[in-house]
Protein backbone atom coordinates (compact mmCIF):
# COMPACT_ATOMS: atom_id res chain seq x y z
CA UNK A 1 121.11 56.61 130.24
CA UNK A 2 123.51 56.98 133.15
CA UNK A 3 123.24 60.19 135.14
CA UNK A 4 126.93 60.88 134.55
CA UNK A 5 126.20 60.81 130.82
CA UNK A 6 123.40 63.35 131.28
CA UNK A 7 125.76 65.59 133.24
CA UNK A 8 128.41 65.16 130.56
CA UNK A 9 125.87 66.33 127.99
CA UNK A 10 125.10 69.46 130.04
CA UNK A 11 128.81 70.29 130.34
CA UNK A 12 129.23 69.78 126.59
CA UNK A 13 126.24 72.01 125.88
CA UNK A 14 127.47 74.99 127.91
CA UNK A 15 130.94 74.73 126.39
CA UNK A 16 130.14 74.24 122.70
CA UNK A 17 126.82 72.48 122.26
CA UNK A 18 123.20 73.54 122.22
CA UNK A 19 122.38 74.87 125.70
CA UNK A 20 119.00 76.30 126.61
CA UNK A 21 120.54 79.79 126.79
CA UNK A 22 121.54 79.80 123.10
CA UNK A 23 125.17 80.88 123.66
CA UNK A 24 128.24 78.83 124.53
CA UNK A 25 131.63 79.55 126.05
CA UNK A 26 133.58 78.48 122.95
CA UNK A 27 131.20 80.19 120.54
CA UNK A 28 131.26 83.46 122.45
CA UNK A 29 135.01 83.54 123.09
CA UNK A 30 136.14 82.63 119.57
CA UNK A 31 135.28 86.10 118.25
CA UNK A 32 136.93 88.03 121.08
CA UNK A 33 140.43 89.41 120.50
CA UNK A 34 143.11 89.56 123.17
CA UNK A 35 142.75 93.34 123.47
CA UNK A 36 138.97 93.09 123.88
CA UNK A 37 139.37 90.23 126.38
CA UNK A 38 141.81 92.27 128.48
CA UNK A 39 139.75 95.48 128.41
CA UNK A 40 138.28 96.70 131.69
CA UNK A 41 134.94 98.42 131.17
CA UNK A 42 134.91 99.75 134.74
CA UNK A 43 137.54 100.12 137.43
CA UNK A 44 136.42 97.34 139.78
CA UNK A 45 134.96 94.99 137.17
CA UNK A 46 136.75 91.91 135.91
CA UNK A 47 137.79 91.72 132.29
CA UNK A 48 136.65 88.86 130.07
CA UNK A 49 140.16 87.46 130.30
CA UNK A 50 140.15 87.54 134.10
CA UNK A 51 136.79 85.75 134.07
CA UNK A 52 138.17 83.05 131.75
CA UNK A 53 141.18 82.57 134.06
CA UNK A 54 138.73 82.22 136.95
CA UNK A 55 136.55 79.71 135.06
CA UNK A 56 139.55 77.53 134.21
CA UNK A 57 140.90 77.58 137.77
CA UNK A 58 137.45 76.85 139.19
CA UNK A 59 136.96 73.94 136.77
CA UNK A 60 140.38 72.50 137.67
CA UNK A 61 139.74 72.88 141.39
CA UNK A 62 136.26 71.34 141.23
CA UNK A 63 137.64 68.41 139.25
CA UNK A 64 140.26 67.75 141.92
CA UNK A 65 137.60 68.06 144.61
CA UNK A 66 135.33 65.42 143.04
CA UNK A 67 138.38 63.21 142.74
CA UNK A 68 138.56 63.20 146.54
CA UNK A 69 140.97 66.06 147.25
CA UNK A 70 140.32 68.80 149.79
CA UNK A 71 141.23 72.12 148.22
CA UNK A 72 140.33 75.41 149.89
CA UNK A 73 139.55 78.38 147.67
CA UNK A 74 142.26 81.07 147.68
CA UNK A 75 141.51 84.56 149.03
CA UNK A 76 141.43 86.00 145.48
CA UNK A 77 138.87 83.34 144.42
CA UNK A 78 140.99 82.71 141.32
CA UNK A 79 140.64 86.26 139.99
CA UNK A 80 144.09 87.49 139.02
CA UNK A 81 145.31 90.36 136.85
CA UNK A 82 146.46 89.32 133.40
CA UNK A 83 150.17 89.98 132.93
CA UNK A 84 150.73 88.94 129.30
CA UNK A 85 147.95 90.40 127.16
CA UNK A 86 149.29 89.23 123.81
CA UNK A 87 147.18 87.45 121.23
CA UNK A 88 149.35 84.35 121.69
CA UNK A 89 148.67 84.35 125.45
CA UNK A 90 144.92 84.74 124.79
CA UNK A 91 144.94 81.81 122.37
CA UNK A 92 146.82 79.78 124.99
CA UNK A 93 144.16 80.69 127.55
CA UNK A 94 141.41 79.49 125.21
CA UNK A 95 143.34 76.24 124.74
CA UNK A 96 143.55 75.83 128.52
CA UNK A 97 139.77 76.26 128.70
CA UNK A 98 139.31 73.63 126.00
CA UNK A 99 141.71 71.32 127.84
CA UNK A 100 139.73 71.76 131.06
CA UNK A 101 136.62 70.81 129.12
CA UNK A 102 138.25 67.61 127.87
CA UNK A 103 139.49 66.75 131.36
CA UNK A 104 135.93 66.98 132.68
CA UNK A 105 134.54 64.86 129.85
CA UNK A 106 137.22 62.22 130.38
CA UNK A 107 136.50 62.17 134.11
CA UNK A 108 132.73 61.86 133.66
CA UNK A 109 133.11 59.02 131.15
CA UNK A 110 134.90 57.00 133.84
CA UNK A 111 132.73 58.09 136.77
CA UNK A 112 130.09 55.76 138.21
CA UNK A 113 126.65 57.09 139.09
CA UNK A 114 127.17 55.87 142.67
CA UNK A 115 130.11 58.29 142.98
CA UNK A 116 127.66 61.19 142.61
CA UNK A 117 126.46 60.47 146.15
CA UNK A 118 129.91 60.98 147.67
CA UNK A 119 130.35 64.14 149.71
CA UNK A 120 133.03 66.78 149.32
CA UNK A 121 134.40 67.57 152.79
CA UNK A 122 134.89 71.27 152.03
CA UNK A 123 131.19 72.08 151.72
CA UNK A 124 129.51 68.80 152.76
CA UNK A 125 127.59 68.73 149.48
CA UNK A 126 127.35 65.71 147.19
CA UNK A 127 129.55 65.40 144.14
CA UNK A 128 126.31 65.60 142.17
CA UNK A 129 125.55 69.02 143.64
CA UNK A 130 129.13 70.23 143.20
CA UNK A 131 129.23 69.18 139.54
CA UNK A 132 125.90 70.86 138.81
CA UNK A 133 127.28 73.91 140.61
CA UNK A 134 130.14 73.89 138.12
CA UNK A 135 127.67 73.97 135.22
CA UNK A 136 125.76 76.82 136.87
CA UNK A 137 129.06 78.61 137.50
CA UNK A 138 129.99 78.36 133.81
CA UNK A 139 126.55 79.69 132.79
CA UNK A 140 126.75 82.59 135.26
CA UNK A 141 130.14 83.72 134.00
CA UNK A 142 129.16 83.15 130.38
CA UNK A 143 126.40 85.71 130.95
CA UNK A 144 128.97 88.18 132.24
CA UNK A 145 131.22 87.54 129.24
CA UNK A 146 128.33 88.09 126.80
CA UNK A 147 127.52 91.42 128.44
CA UNK A 148 131.15 92.56 128.53
CA UNK A 149 131.64 91.57 124.89
CA UNK A 150 128.77 93.76 123.65
CA UNK A 151 129.92 96.68 121.59
CA UNK A 152 128.34 100.07 122.39
């Protein structure tokens, strides 16, 4: 099996497969309403919605980076307040997350294993390391979402 196929499987698992941590992004988010997603449990904490916006932006940026583009991270690190907190906007956000998932899968299906050795100029790490960092990033924020979604 090609390494890119193994990585593709890991990205599928964390999104909506069978990851080692027993929860997925899609599975966790599907039962969260817009009002619950927008809720701040503490003043300086991010809401679930803000975390999802961050995940999507990070996924899009990392994809562009492993396609050879230099993209610096913005000062807000892709954490932005949610302006439209409607259910329709939340469903659109979930669709954007799903679309980012498909973009990654499409990219990995076309990627050669040799490309994993290329280096991203922004951090001098291999594409392999950057892509695995994306998976770890998704898992980290999924843990936050699971905690924020717990009802008292």
